[in-house]
Structures are given as structure tokens and as C-alpha cells.
Amino acid sequence: MSPINSINLSRIFSKLDKNGDGHVSLDELKGFLDLIGIIASEEELELLVGKTSLDSIDFFLFYDAITKAYIKQSSYKHDDHRQNDFLENDLQKVFGVFDLNGDGFICCEELQSALSRLGLWDEQCGKDCMSMINVYDKNSDGKLDFEEFKDMMLAN
């Protein structure tokens, strides 16, 4: 899980706040989590955050807590196959968010589309998504397969 900078996190918050009231409801948060492959009920989210909606500060704190929990979980270096399978399964779900046509590859257009849906794409920050792909495209085919995507996601 790569950290998201505060500008992009603000952009995500604004995109999630569909009605523009300055709060992200648990329904809006659940929709986003579903989109990125994290399944949680509204009841689970309410127990987790203790509120029915999050303002931008609460949203940043929620993201920070999730990121820290993920980093802590990932830092345990166990030979436990279940944990490796869990990580692999999560990465496959995230890969599926980007692999829009299901062909097993992420091309430039899919990357741009997925980043747009997540509120992370605009002309200023990403004029050339191909250069983003090329960093991890080991076989130089112009797209990312799952192993290349996994390397990208696990890079520090």
C-alpha cells in the first residue's frame, strides 16, 4: 500500500463527498472501499470509526489508521503461508480494480481510467501514464501483468 499524499487524499475526499456537505457518509465510504476491493458493511464501518460520517480531518485520520495498520501487518515477516495468501489475494483484488477489461494486464488507458475513478488523475499530475507503467514493466510490453503490478505495490 503506497502512501497517498495530502493533495490526492483531499481530492479523494472531495470526490467521495457527493452531496458537497463536507462530510463523507459511511455509505459513501463503503462505496469507495467496495471499489478498491475492501468489503465492509456500514455497521462494521460505524463500529470502526464511531460515527455515521467523517469530515475531512476524520477521513485523513481514518486513512492514517488504515495505512499504519497495513504497514504494521506487512512488517511481520512470518513464513506463514496464510498471511502470504492473504496479501496475494488482496493484491489480486486491487489488480482487478485497474484491469478493467479483465485481460490480465493493466494498460495506460486502464490506469488512467482507474486513477480517474479514484480521484487521483488530472492532466497536471499525469500527462504520461506510460512513464508510470514503464518503471515496473520488466518485459517492455507497454503494460503491467500481475507480477509487475505486485512488484510496484510492494516497492518501498
C-alpha atoms as a PDB file:
ATOM      1  CA  MET A   1       0.000   0.000   0.000  1.00  0.00           C
ATOM      2  CA  SER A   2       1.685   3.168  -1.141  1.00  0.00           C
ATOM      3  CA  PRO A   3       1.053   6.289   0.942  1.00  0.00           C
ATOM      4  CA  ILE A   4      -1.193   8.889  -0.696  1.00  0.00           C
ATOM      5  CA  ASN A   5      -0.099  12.497  -0.355  1.00  0.00           C
ATOM      6  CA  SER A   6      -2.429  15.028   1.276  1.00  0.00           C
ATOM      7  CA  ILE A   7      -3.349  16.686  -2.031  1.00  0.00           C
ATOM      8  CA  ASN A   8      -4.558  13.415  -3.516  1.00  0.00           C
ATOM      9  CA  LEU A   9      -6.224  12.446  -0.245  1.00  0.00           C
ATOM     10  CA  SER A  10      -8.123  15.764  -0.330  1.00  0.00           C
ATOM     11  CA  ARG A  11      -9.108  15.033  -3.916  1.00  0.00           C
ATOM     12  CA  ILE A  12     -10.429  11.603  -2.924  1.00  0.00           C
ATOM     13  CA  PHE A  13     -12.382  13.150  -0.037  1.00  0.00           C
ATOM     14  CA  SER A  14     -13.954  15.733  -2.356  1.00  0.00           C
ATOM     15  CA  LYS A  15     -14.896  13.056  -4.875  1.00  0.00           C
ATOM     16  CA  LEU A  16     -16.444  10.869  -2.146  1.00  0.00           C
ATOM     17  CA  ASP A  17     -18.428  13.802  -0.727  1.00  0.00           C
ATOM     18  CA  LYS A  18     -21.008  13.508  -3.494  1.00  0.00           C
ATOM     19  CA  ASN A  19     -23.530  15.885  -1.928  1.00  0.00           C
ATOM     20  CA  GLY A  20     -20.877  18.503  -1.054  1.00  0.00           C
ATOM     21  CA  ASP A  21     -21.832  18.774   2.629  1.00  0.00           C
ATOM     22  CA  GLY A  22     -18.226  18.496   3.835  1.00  0.00           C
ATOM     23  CA  HIS A  23     -18.780  15.000   5.199  1.00  0.00           C
ATOM     24  CA  VAL A  24     -18.304  11.541   3.786  1.00  0.00           C
ATOM     25  CA  SER A  25     -21.128   9.319   4.924  1.00  0.00           C
ATOM     26  CA  LEU A  26     -20.462   5.700   5.768  1.00  0.00           C
ATOM     27  CA  ASP A  27     -22.423   4.795   2.641  1.00  0.00           C
ATOM     28  CA  GLU A  28     -20.072   6.953   0.523  1.00  0.00           C
ATOM     29  CA  LEU A  29     -17.029   5.494   2.320  1.00  0.00           C
ATOM     30  CA  LYS A  30     -18.367   1.957   1.832  1.00  0.00           C
ATOM     31  CA  GLY A  31     -18.807   2.624  -1.898  1.00  0.00           C
ATOM     32  CA  PHE A  32     -15.170   3.699  -2.170  1.00  0.00           C
ATOM     33  CA  LEU A  33     -13.906   0.726  -0.165  1.00  0.00           C
ATOM     34  CA  ASP A  34     -16.003  -1.622  -2.326  1.00  0.00           C
ATOM     35  CA  LEU A  35     -14.472  -0.018  -5.421  1.00  0.00           C
ATOM     36  CA  ILE A  36     -10.941  -0.808  -4.238  1.00  0.00           C
ATOM     37  CA  GLY A  37     -11.861  -4.320  -3.121  1.00  0.00           C
ATOM     38  CA  ILE A  38     -12.245  -3.853   0.643  1.00  0.00           C
ATOM     39  CA  ILE A  39     -15.534  -5.358   1.716  1.00  0.00           C
ATOM     40  CA  ALA A  40     -17.062  -3.962   4.899  1.00  0.00           C
ATOM     41  CA  SER A  41     -20.635  -3.362   5.975  1.00  0.00           C
ATOM     42  CA  GLU A  42     -21.832   0.056   7.099  1.00  0.00           C
ATOM     43  CA  GLU A  43     -22.292  -1.428  10.579  1.00  0.00           C
ATOM     44  CA  GLU A  44     -18.645  -2.567  10.639  1.00  0.00           C
ATOM     45  CA  LEU A  45     -17.508   0.857   9.478  1.00  0.00           C
ATOM     46  CA  GLU A  46     -19.606   2.589  12.127  1.00  0.00           C
ATOM     47  CA  LEU A  47     -18.056   0.382  14.808  1.00  0.00           C
ATOM     48  CA  LEU A  48     -14.610   1.136  13.398  1.00  0.00           C
ATOM     49  CA  VAL A  49     -14.951   4.924  13.098  1.00  0.00           C
ATOM     50  CA  GLY A  50     -17.557   5.504  15.838  1.00  0.00           C
ATOM     51  CA  LYS A  51     -19.546   7.954  13.702  1.00  0.00           C
ATOM     52  CA  THR A  52     -22.061   7.967  10.883  1.00  0.00           C
ATOM     53  CA  SER A  53     -19.958  10.323   8.743  1.00  0.00           C
ATOM     54  CA  LEU A  54     -16.436  11.706   8.523  1.00  0.00           C
ATOM     55  CA  ASP A  55     -15.329  15.283   7.943  1.00  0.00           C
ATOM     56  CA  SER A  56     -12.030  15.794   6.117  1.00  0.00           C
ATOM     57  CA  ILE A  57      -9.935  15.572   9.292  1.00  0.00           C
ATOM     58  CA  ASP A  58     -11.697  12.375  10.378  1.00  0.00           C
ATOM     59  CA  PHE A  59     -11.197  10.991   6.865  1.00  0.00           C
ATOM     60  CA  PHE A  60      -7.446  11.776   6.997  1.00  0.00           C
ATOM     61  CA  LEU A  61      -7.220  10.116  10.431  1.00  0.00           C
ATOM     62  CA  PHE A  62      -9.146   7.092   9.135  1.00  0.00           C
ATOM     63  CA  TYR A  63      -6.747   6.795   6.197  1.00  0.00           C
ATOM     64  CA  ASP A  64      -3.756   7.212   8.529  1.00  0.00           C
ATOM     65  CA  ALA A  65      -5.028   4.478  10.861  1.00  0.00           C
ATOM     66  CA  ILE A  66      -5.713   2.081   7.979  1.00  0.00           C
ATOM     67  CA  THR A  67      -2.277   2.760   6.481  1.00  0.00           C
ATOM     68  CA  LYS A  68      -0.497   2.245   9.808  1.00  0.00           C
ATOM     69  CA  ALA A  69      -2.405  -0.985  10.430  1.00  0.00           C
ATOM     70  CA  TYR A  70      -1.491  -2.224   6.953  1.00  0.00           C
ATOM     71  CA  ILE A  71       2.185  -1.318   7.402  1.00  0.00           C
ATOM     72  CA  LYS A  72       2.239  -2.995  10.814  1.00  0.00           C
ATOM     73  CA  GLN A  73       0.615  -6.119   9.385  1.00  0.00           C
ATOM     74  CA  SER A  74       3.010  -6.138   6.427  1.00  0.00           C
ATOM     75  CA  SER A  75       6.059  -5.684   8.638  1.00  0.00           C
ATOM     76  CA  TYR A  76       5.587  -9.047  10.296  1.00  0.00           C
ATOM     77  CA  LYS A  77       7.950 -11.346   8.430  1.00  0.00           C
ATOM     78  CA  HIS A  78       6.314 -14.712   9.018  1.00  0.00           C
ATOM     79  CA  ASP A  79       6.723 -17.782   6.885  1.00  0.00           C
ATOM     80  CA  ASP A  80       3.030 -18.313   7.452  1.00  0.00           C
ATOM     81  CA  HIS A  81       1.524 -19.249   4.094  1.00  0.00           C
ATOM     82  CA  ARG A  82      -1.873 -17.925   5.153  1.00  0.00           C
ATOM     83  CA  GLN A  83      -0.535 -14.382   5.530  1.00  0.00           C
ATOM     84  CA  ASN A  84       1.210 -14.603   2.147  1.00  0.00           C
ATOM     85  CA  ASP A  85      -2.001 -15.922   0.600  1.00  0.00           C
ATOM     86  CA  PHE A  86      -3.941 -13.077   2.252  1.00  0.00           C
ATOM     87  CA  LEU A  87      -1.582 -10.454   0.809  1.00  0.00           C
ATOM     88  CA  GLU A  88      -1.632 -12.115  -2.613  1.00  0.00           C
ATOM     89  CA  ASN A  89      -5.447 -12.222  -2.553  1.00  0.00           C
ATOM     90  CA  ASP A  90      -5.650  -8.527  -1.610  1.00  0.00           C
ATOM     91  CA  LEU A  91      -3.250  -7.593  -4.386  1.00  0.00           C
ATOM     92  CA  GLN A  92      -5.300  -9.584  -6.889  1.00  0.00           C
ATOM     93  CA  LYS A  93      -8.428  -7.663  -5.850  1.00  0.00           C
ATOM     94  CA  VAL A  94      -6.639  -4.346  -6.280  1.00  0.00           C
ATOM     95  CA  PHE A  95      -5.228  -5.516  -9.621  1.00  0.00           C
ATOM     96  CA  GLY A  96      -8.814  -6.227 -10.704  1.00  0.00           C
ATOM     97  CA  VAL A  97      -9.766  -2.606  -9.954  1.00  0.00           C
ATOM     98  CA  PHE A  98      -7.184  -1.481 -12.513  1.00  0.00           C
ATOM     99  CA  ASP A  99      -7.570  -4.327 -15.042  1.00  0.00           C
ATOM    100  CA  LEU A 100     -10.880  -3.040 -16.338  1.00  0.00           C
ATOM    101  CA  ASN A 101     -11.263  -5.407 -19.287  1.00  0.00           C
ATOM    102  CA  GLY A 102     -10.123  -8.471 -17.330  1.00  0.00           C
ATOM    103  CA  ASP A 103      -7.390  -9.482 -19.779  1.00  0.00           C
ATOM    104  CA  GLY A 104      -4.752  -9.882 -17.062  1.00  0.00           C
ATOM    105  CA  PHE A 105      -2.874  -6.680 -17.935  1.00  0.00           C
ATOM    106  CA  ILE A 106      -3.065  -3.012 -16.990  1.00  0.00           C
ATOM    107  CA  CYS A 107      -2.574  -0.745 -19.984  1.00  0.00           C
ATOM    108  CA  CYS A 108      -2.182   3.024 -19.999  1.00  0.00           C
ATOM    109  CA  GLU A 109      -5.880   3.666 -20.662  1.00  0.00           C
ATOM    110  CA  GLU A 110      -6.967   1.385 -17.816  1.00  0.00           C
ATOM    111  CA  LEU A 111      -4.511   3.036 -15.433  1.00  0.00           C
ATOM    112  CA  GLN A 112      -5.809   6.477 -16.354  1.00  0.00           C
ATOM    113  CA  SER A 113      -9.435   5.379 -16.031  1.00  0.00           C
ATOM    114  CA  ALA A 114      -8.931   3.703 -12.650  1.00  0.00           C
ATOM    115  CA  LEU A 115      -6.972   6.656 -11.266  1.00  0.00           C
ATOM    116  CA  SER A 116      -9.734   8.972 -12.501  1.00  0.00           C
ATOM    117  CA  ARG A 117     -12.388   6.900 -10.709  1.00  0.00           C
ATOM    118  CA  LEU A 118     -10.330   7.123  -7.522  1.00  0.00           C
ATOM    119  CA  GLY A 119      -9.955  10.890  -7.922  1.00  0.00           C
ATOM    120  CA  LEU A 120      -6.185  10.662  -8.476  1.00  0.00           C
ATOM    121  CA  TRP A 121      -5.908  11.666 -12.115  1.00  0.00           C
ATOM    122  CA  ASP A 122      -5.749  15.048 -13.721  1.00  0.00           C
ATOM    123  CA  GLU A 123      -3.847  16.499 -16.649  1.00  0.00           C
ATOM    124  CA  GLN A 124      -1.308  18.260 -14.421  1.00  0.00           C
ATOM    125  CA  CYS A 125      -0.236  15.252 -12.370  1.00  0.00           C
ATOM    126  CA  GLY A 126      -0.266  12.623 -15.055  1.00  0.00           C
ATOM    127  CA  LYS A 127       0.340  13.667 -18.624  1.00  0.00           C
ATOM    128  CA  ASP A 128       2.181  10.455 -19.368  1.00  0.00           C
ATOM    129  CA  CYS A 129       0.836   7.341 -17.679  1.00  0.00           C
ATOM    130  CA  MET A 130       3.082   5.258 -19.914  1.00  0.00           C
ATOM    131  CA  SER A 131       6.103   6.504 -17.964  1.00  0.00           C
ATOM    132  CA  MET A 132       4.375   5.312 -14.778  1.00  0.00           C
ATOM    133  CA  ILE A 133       3.955   1.869 -16.299  1.00  0.00           C
ATOM    134  CA  ASN A 134       7.468   1.757 -17.764  1.00  0.00           C
ATOM    135  CA  VAL A 135       9.062   1.974 -14.307  1.00  0.00           C
ATOM    136  CA  TYR A 136       7.789  -1.545 -13.462  1.00  0.00           C
ATOM    137  CA  ASP A 137       7.266  -3.021 -16.942  1.00  0.00           C
ATOM    138  CA  LYS A 138      10.062  -5.618 -16.844  1.00  0.00           C
ATOM    139  CA  ASN A 139       9.304  -7.227 -20.198  1.00  0.00           C
ATOM    140  CA  SER A 140       8.746  -3.886 -22.008  1.00  0.00           C
ATOM    141  CA  ASP A 141       5.369  -4.856 -23.466  1.00  0.00           C
ATOM    142  CA  GLY A 142       3.819  -1.494 -22.517  1.00  0.00           C
ATOM    143  CA  LYS A 143       1.512  -2.900 -19.850  1.00  0.00           C
ATOM    144  CA  LEU A 144       1.700  -4.409 -16.380  1.00  0.00           C
ATOM    145  CA  ASP A 145       0.943  -8.049 -15.682  1.00  0.00           C
ATOM    146  CA  PHE A 146       0.081  -9.152 -12.143  1.00  0.00           C
ATOM    147  CA  GLU A 147       3.688  -9.879 -11.103  1.00  0.00           C
ATOM    148  CA  GLU A 148       4.857  -6.464 -12.314  1.00  0.00           C
ATOM    149  CA  PHE A 149       1.903  -4.840 -10.534  1.00  0.00           C
ATOM    150  CA  LYS A 150       2.747  -6.752  -7.361  1.00  0.00           C
ATOM    151  CA  ASP A 151       6.371  -5.543  -7.539  1.00  0.00           C
ATOM    152  CA  MET A 152       5.084  -1.993  -7.896  1.00  0.00           C
ATOM    153  CA  MET A 153       2.712  -2.268  -4.937  1.00  0.00           C
ATOM    154  CA  LEU A 154       5.318  -3.848  -2.662  1.00  0.00           C
ATOM    155  CA  ALA A 155       8.104  -1.422  -3.593  1.00  0.00           C
ATOM    156  CA  ASN A 156       9.206   0.838  -0.768  1.00  0.00           C
END
